[in-house]
Protein backbone atom coordinates (compact mmCIF):
# COMPACT_ATOMS: atom_id res chain seq x y z
CA MET A 1 67.20 80.61 66.67
CA ARG A 2 65.44 79.40 63.50
CA ASN A 3 67.66 81.63 61.36
CA LEU A 4 70.72 80.29 63.17
CA LEU A 5 69.74 76.68 62.36
CA ILE A 6 69.22 77.55 58.71
CA LEU A 7 72.59 79.31 58.63
CA ILE A 8 74.32 76.30 60.21
CA ILE A 9 72.78 73.94 57.66
CA LEU A 10 73.93 76.16 54.80
CA SER A 11 77.38 76.43 56.28
CA PHE A 12 77.70 72.66 56.60
CA MET A 13 76.87 72.45 52.90
CA THR A 14 79.73 74.80 52.01
CA GLY A 15 82.44 73.85 54.53
CA CYS A 16 83.45 73.21 58.14
CA VAL A 17 81.42 75.15 60.69
CA SER A 18 81.43 75.92 64.42
CA CYS A 19 79.03 77.99 66.52
CA LEU A 20 79.32 80.62 69.27
CA GLU A 21 76.66 82.25 71.40
CA VAL A 22 77.80 85.67 72.64
CA GLU A 23 75.91 88.03 74.92
CA GLY A 24 76.78 91.64 75.71
CA CYS A 25 75.30 94.70 77.43
CA SER A 26 74.19 97.86 75.66
CA GLY A 27 76.96 100.46 75.72
CA GLY A 28 79.53 97.78 76.53
CA THR A 29 81.96 95.59 74.60
CA VAL A 30 82.23 91.90 73.65
CA ILE A 31 85.45 90.04 72.83
CA PHE A 32 85.54 86.55 71.30
CA THR A 33 87.76 84.36 69.12
CA CYS A 34 87.10 82.39 65.97
CA LYS A 35 89.15 79.27 65.15
CA TYR A 36 90.38 78.09 61.75
CA PRO A 37 92.44 75.12 60.48
CA ASP A 38 96.22 75.21 60.56
CA ASN A 39 96.59 75.26 56.78
CA TYR A 40 94.72 78.61 56.52
CA GLN A 41 97.11 80.78 58.51
CA SER A 42 98.14 82.86 55.49
CA ASN A 43 94.56 83.40 54.26
CA ASP A 44 92.57 86.57 54.88
CA LYS A 45 89.98 86.49 57.65
CA TYR A 46 86.57 88.20 57.49
CA PHE A 47 83.84 89.11 59.94
CA CYS A 48 80.42 89.89 58.51
CA LYS A 49 76.77 90.19 59.57
CA GLU A 50 74.22 87.93 57.94
CA SER A 51 71.17 89.42 56.24
CA THR A 52 68.47 87.98 54.02
CA GLN A 53 70.46 88.70 50.90
CA SER A 54 74.14 88.49 51.82
CA CYS A 55 76.74 88.80 54.57
CA GLU A 56 77.69 92.44 55.15
CA GLU A 57 81.41 92.73 55.80
CA LYS A 58 82.24 94.56 59.02
CA ILE A 59 86.02 94.13 59.09
CA LYS A 60 88.80 91.95 57.70
CA SER A 61 92.32 91.01 58.76
CA GLY A 62 95.51 92.75 57.74
CA MET A 63 99.06 92.00 58.82
CA LYS A 64 99.64 89.16 61.23
CA ASN A 65 99.47 90.00 64.95
CA THR A 66 98.26 93.51 64.09
CA TRP A 67 94.95 94.98 65.14
CA GLU A 68 92.72 96.33 62.40
CA ASN A 69 90.05 98.87 63.39
CA LYS A 70 86.95 99.88 61.47
CA ASP A 71 84.16 101.89 63.10
CA ARG A 72 83.22 99.95 66.26
CA PHE A 73 84.89 96.71 65.15
CA SER A 74 88.43 95.42 65.67
CA LEU A 75 90.07 92.22 64.41
CA CYS A 76 93.49 90.65 64.94
CA ASP A 77 94.82 87.42 63.39
CA THR A 78 97.24 86.02 65.97
CA ASN A 79 98.59 83.38 63.55
CA ARG A 80 97.79 80.68 66.13
CA LYS A 81 94.81 79.14 64.32
CA LEU A 82 92.40 81.74 65.69
CA PHE A 83 91.56 85.43 65.29
CA THR A 84 89.99 87.78 67.82
CA VAL A 85 87.02 90.05 67.18
CA ILE A 86 85.94 93.05 69.31
CA ILE A 87 82.63 94.90 69.03
CA ARG A 88 82.41 98.14 71.06
CA LYS A 89 79.56 100.40 72.17
CA LEU A 90 76.99 97.72 71.64
CA GLU A 91 73.49 98.67 70.51
CA LYS A 92 70.30 96.67 70.44
CA SER A 93 70.40 96.80 66.63
CA ASP A 94 73.70 94.84 66.71
CA GLU A 95 71.81 91.68 67.62
CA GLY A 96 71.83 89.00 64.98
CA ASN A 97 73.94 86.31 63.34
CA TYR A 98 77.51 86.92 62.22
CA LYS A 99 80.12 84.87 60.42
CA CYS A 100 83.84 84.49 61.02
CA GLU A 101 85.11 83.31 57.66
CA VAL A 102 88.40 82.34 56.03
CA ALA A 103 88.84 83.46 52.43
CA THR A 104 89.55 80.59 50.01
CA SER A 105 89.39 80.06 46.30
CA ASP A 106 86.97 77.17 46.91
CA PRO A 107 84.12 78.20 49.29
CA SER A 108 83.28 74.58 49.99
CA SER A 109 86.72 74.00 51.49
CA GLY A 110 86.71 77.04 53.80
CA HIS A 111 86.03 77.27 57.51
CA VAL A 112 83.14 79.24 59.00
CA THR A 113 82.26 80.14 62.61
CA ILE A 114 78.68 81.23 63.22
CA VAL A 115 78.31 83.85 65.98
CA GLU A 116 74.88 84.57 67.47
CA LEU A 117 75.03 87.93 69.27
CA LYS A 118 72.50 89.07 71.86
CA VAL A 119 72.50 92.53 73.43
CA LYS A 120 70.90 93.11 76.86
CA GLU A 121 69.58 96.49 77.91
CA ASP A 122 70.15 96.87 81.65
CA ASP A 123 69.94 100.20 83.48
CA CYS A 124 70.79 98.74 86.89
CA PHE A 125 74.48 99.63 86.55
CA LYS A 126 76.47 102.58 85.24
CA LYS A 127 77.86 102.43 81.72
CA SER A 128 80.56 105.02 82.35
CA VAL A 129 82.32 106.27 85.49
CA LYS A 130 84.87 109.05 86.05
CA GLU A 131 87.27 108.93 88.98
CA THR A 132 89.91 111.43 90.14
CA ALA A 133 92.77 110.45 92.45
CA TYR A 134 96.15 111.82 93.54
CA LEU A 135 99.74 110.71 93.07
CA GLY A 136 101.06 108.38 95.74
CA ARG A 137 97.63 107.75 97.20
CA ASN A 138 95.01 105.03 96.73
CA ALA A 139 91.92 104.85 94.51
CA THR A 140 89.01 102.42 94.62
CA ILE A 141 86.86 101.62 91.59
CA THR A 142 83.57 99.77 92.00
CA CYS A 143 81.70 98.10 89.16
CA LYS A 144 78.23 96.56 89.40
CA TYR A 145 77.33 93.59 87.26
CA PRO A 146 74.08 91.78 86.31
CA GLU A 147 72.86 88.67 88.07
CA ASP A 148 73.94 86.28 85.33
CA HIS A 149 77.57 87.42 85.83
CA GLU A 150 77.63 86.36 89.48
CA ASN A 151 79.46 83.08 88.87
CA ARG A 152 81.63 84.30 86.02
CA THR A 153 85.32 85.16 86.22
CA LYS A 154 85.61 88.91 86.85
CA TYR A 155 87.64 90.85 84.32
CA PHE A 156 89.43 94.22 84.59
CA CYS A 157 91.65 95.75 81.89
CA LYS A 158 93.16 98.99 80.61
CA GLN A 159 92.27 100.31 77.16
CA ASP A 160 95.05 101.58 74.91
CA ASP A 161 94.89 104.31 72.26
CA ARG A 162 93.66 101.77 69.68
CA PHE A 163 90.67 100.85 71.88
CA ILE A 164 92.23 97.47 72.64
CA CYS A 165 91.96 96.16 76.20
CA LYS A 166 95.32 95.02 77.61
CA ASP A 167 97.02 94.40 80.98
CA ASN A 168 93.95 92.47 82.03
CA ILE A 169 93.37 91.23 85.57
CA THR A 170 91.02 88.36 86.34
CA LEU A 171 89.40 87.07 89.50
CA GLU A 172 88.34 83.46 89.15
CA SER A 173 84.75 82.60 90.01
CA GLU A 174 85.75 80.48 93.01
CA LYS A 175 87.68 83.37 94.63
CA ILE A 176 86.39 86.49 96.37
CA SER A 177 89.64 88.49 96.42
CA ASN A 178 93.12 88.55 94.96
CA LYS A 179 96.17 90.81 94.68
CA HIS A 180 97.99 91.73 91.46
CA GLY A 181 101.02 93.92 92.19
CA ARG A 182 99.68 97.30 93.31
CA LEU A 183 96.08 96.28 92.57
CA PHE A 184 93.74 94.51 94.96
CA VAL A 185 90.54 93.01 93.53
CA SER A 186 87.53 91.68 95.39
CA ASP A 187 84.06 90.41 94.53
CA ASN A 188 80.97 90.97 96.67
CA ARG A 189 78.53 88.52 95.13
CA ARG A 190 75.75 89.41 97.54
CA GLU A 191 75.76 93.02 96.34
CA ARG A 192 77.02 92.02 92.86
CA VAL A 193 79.87 94.53 93.03
CA PHE A 194 83.38 94.02 91.69
CA THR A 195 85.97 96.29 93.38
CA VAL A 196 89.49 97.20 92.25
CA THR A 197 91.80 99.19 94.55
CA PHE A 198 94.93 100.94 93.24
CA THR A 199 97.74 101.59 95.75
CA ASN A 200 100.57 104.13 95.47
CA LEU A 201 99.18 105.70 92.28
CA THR A 202 101.51 106.88 89.51
CA VAL A 203 101.01 109.09 86.44
CA GLU A 204 100.99 105.96 84.25
CA ASP A 205 97.81 104.80 86.01
CA THR A 206 95.85 107.55 84.25
CA GLY A 207 93.67 106.14 81.50
CA VAL A 208 90.50 104.29 80.52
CA TYR A 209 89.67 100.96 82.14
CA TRP A 210 86.93 98.39 81.70
CA CYS A 211 85.40 95.91 84.12
CA GLY A 212 83.18 92.98 83.25
CA GLY A 213 82.92 89.19 83.18
CA LYS A 214 84.45 86.32 81.27
CA THR A 215 83.34 82.86 80.17
CA HIS A 216 85.29 80.15 78.36
CA VAL A 217 83.81 81.48 75.08
CA TYR A 218 83.80 85.29 75.28
CA THR A 219 84.45 88.33 77.48
CA THR A 220 81.87 91.01 78.27
CA LEU A 221 83.00 94.50 79.25
CA ILE A 222 80.23 96.35 81.07
CA THR A 223 81.46 99.58 82.67
CA GLU A 224 83.98 102.07 81.28
CA VAL A 225 86.07 103.78 83.97
CA GLU A 226 88.03 106.95 83.21
CA LEU A 227 90.72 107.42 85.88
CA ALA A 228 92.62 110.71 86.21
CA VAL A 229 95.68 110.83 88.49
CA ASN A 230 96.67 114.38 89.49
CA ALA A 231 99.27 115.97 91.73
CA PRO A 232 97.97 116.32 95.32
CA PRO A 233 96.52 119.77 96.16
CA LYS A 234 98.58 122.19 98.22
CA THR A 235 97.29 122.51 101.78
CA THR A 236 97.40 125.73 103.84
CA MET A 237 96.93 125.97 107.61
CA VAL A 238 94.17 128.45 108.41
CA THR A 239 92.93 128.91 111.98
CA THR A 240 89.54 130.53 112.50
CA MET A 241 87.54 131.15 115.66
CA SER A 242 83.85 131.88 115.74
CA PRO A 243 82.52 134.64 118.05
CA ALA A 244 80.49 132.10 120.00
CA SER A 245 83.45 129.83 120.69
CA SER A 246 85.69 132.79 121.61
CA SER A 247 83.16 134.10 124.16
CA ARG A 248 82.73 130.69 125.78
CA SER A 249 86.36 129.65 125.83
CA PRO A 250 88.34 130.96 128.89
CA PRO A 251 91.78 132.44 128.28
CA SER A 252 94.55 129.88 128.47
CA PRO A 253 96.77 130.16 131.58
CA LEU A 254 100.27 131.52 131.21
CA ASN A 255 103.11 129.10 131.76
CA SER A 256 106.21 129.84 133.86
CA THR A 257 108.31 130.80 130.84
CA SER A 258 105.78 133.44 129.80
CA VAL A 259 105.66 134.90 133.33
CA VAL A 260 109.46 135.17 133.56
CA THR A 261 109.59 136.86 130.18
CA ILE A 262 106.94 139.42 131.11
CA VAL A 263 108.61 140.25 134.46
CA SER A 264 112.04 140.60 132.84
CA VAL A 265 110.72 142.95 130.18
CA SER A 266 108.89 145.06 132.81
CA LEU A 267 111.97 145.38 135.04
CA GLY A 268 114.12 146.26 132.07
CA GLY A 269 111.69 149.00 131.13
CA LEU A 270 111.71 150.44 134.66
CA VAL A 271 115.53 150.47 134.83
CA PHE A 272 115.74 152.19 131.48
CA ALA A 273 113.19 154.81 132.55
CA ALA A 274 115.14 155.52 135.79
CA PHE A 275 118.32 155.91 133.80
CA LEU A 276 116.66 158.48 131.55
CA VAL A 277 115.41 160.44 134.61
CA ILE A 278 118.94 160.55 136.12
CA VAL A 279 120.51 161.70 132.87
CA TYR A 280 117.88 164.39 132.48
CA SER A 281 118.40 165.65 136.08
CA CYS A 282 122.16 165.89 135.58
CA LYS A 283 121.70 167.93 132.45
CA ARG A 284 119.29 170.30 134.25
CA ASN A 285 121.70 170.88 137.16
CA LYS A 286 124.60 171.60 134.82
CA GLN A 287 122.56 174.19 132.94
CA LYS A 288 121.61 175.98 136.22
CA GLY A 289 125.28 176.18 137.39
CA SER A 290 126.33 177.78 134.13
CA PHE A 291 123.57 180.41 134.50
CA PHE A 292 124.75 181.57 137.96
CA LEU A 293 128.37 181.76 136.89
CA THR A 294 127.45 183.86 133.93
CA HIS A 295 125.43 186.41 135.94
CA THR A 296 127.92 186.94 138.94
CA HIS A 297 129.84 190.30 138.37
CA THR A 298 133.68 190.22 138.71
CA HIS A 299 135.65 193.58 139.00
CA THR A 300 138.59 194.12 136.74
CA PRO A 301 141.87 195.60 138.23
CA VAL A 302 141.15 199.09 136.80
CA GLU A 303 137.70 199.13 138.32
CA ALA A 304 139.14 198.08 141.64
CA ALA A 305 141.71 200.87 141.57
CA GLU A 306 139.13 203.49 140.69
CA GLY A 307 137.02 202.24 143.53
CA ARG A 308 139.85 202.56 146.04
CA THR A 309 140.65 206.14 144.83
CA ALA A 310 137.05 207.20 145.21
CA HIS A 311 136.98 205.76 148.69
CA ASN A 312 140.13 207.59 149.73
CA ASN A 313 138.85 210.87 148.33
CA GLY A 314 135.73 210.49 150.35
CA GLN A 315 137.66 210.01 153.49
CA ASN A 316 139.90 213.06 152.83
CA SER A 317 136.88 215.24 152.37
CA GLN A 318 135.56 214.21 155.68
CA ASN A 319 138.86 214.99 157.37
CA ILE A 320 139.06 218.58 155.96
CA GLN A 321 135.67 219.30 157.24
């Protein structure tokens, strides 16, 4: 605090000054804005960390309304008399005094914002969470927050490929739940848990999200949530029966349709078997008739004549005698 007072006094001696007190959590992110006068919109903007000798530049502005990224720092000049600064993956060593400064040819006519950053180390909540959900279904994300965030506006946003948080959703401190399109947010202050529920998930919902708290001065992002939305798994119907259950379970009774089917099949089988027996008997009888006809001797006319001659000769012999 003593260093901050000295820095404020020095800044007053060189130009207009304002002050911000920002607090973040280790592993998390802080977002804040620095104001400047209207006549400095075209000037370059700087963000640096104060040391005993000088102010070490961390990042500076580029094109208007364009995010500039350098290491863990991001800066964007919105051309609306303020620029936004983001510090990610906070460490305890990041604590200290920083300056948001507008570059001018005359340092005494510039504008300076003093930022005092504090970093809390709290292991009571997770820094990173991974969730997997399926297309068309729901997913619920829960984020714990420290006690001093209980009365703050709750903040939930999606991070883009430039590490910038967008599509933010807020839940005002006086509310306990709210609905934003397909998202339902609720705050359990007793358990200090902020919950976000996605409904009817789509592929576009895949990504990195952050949840945290917001004051009128800055935003603190506490927990990083990596959400993966996959196609639902294919399900197969498999029926298994354990030996114990099969021995205890009595056989299920047959219904009338099953009985009629069994009787019909049995009668059909009997009729078919009888038909085969009849056919077989007919074939056997036919074969026997052919055998007797084949073995019955029939005399030809010549044989009959020779027989009659022999008979007559026999009779003549008897008469002579």
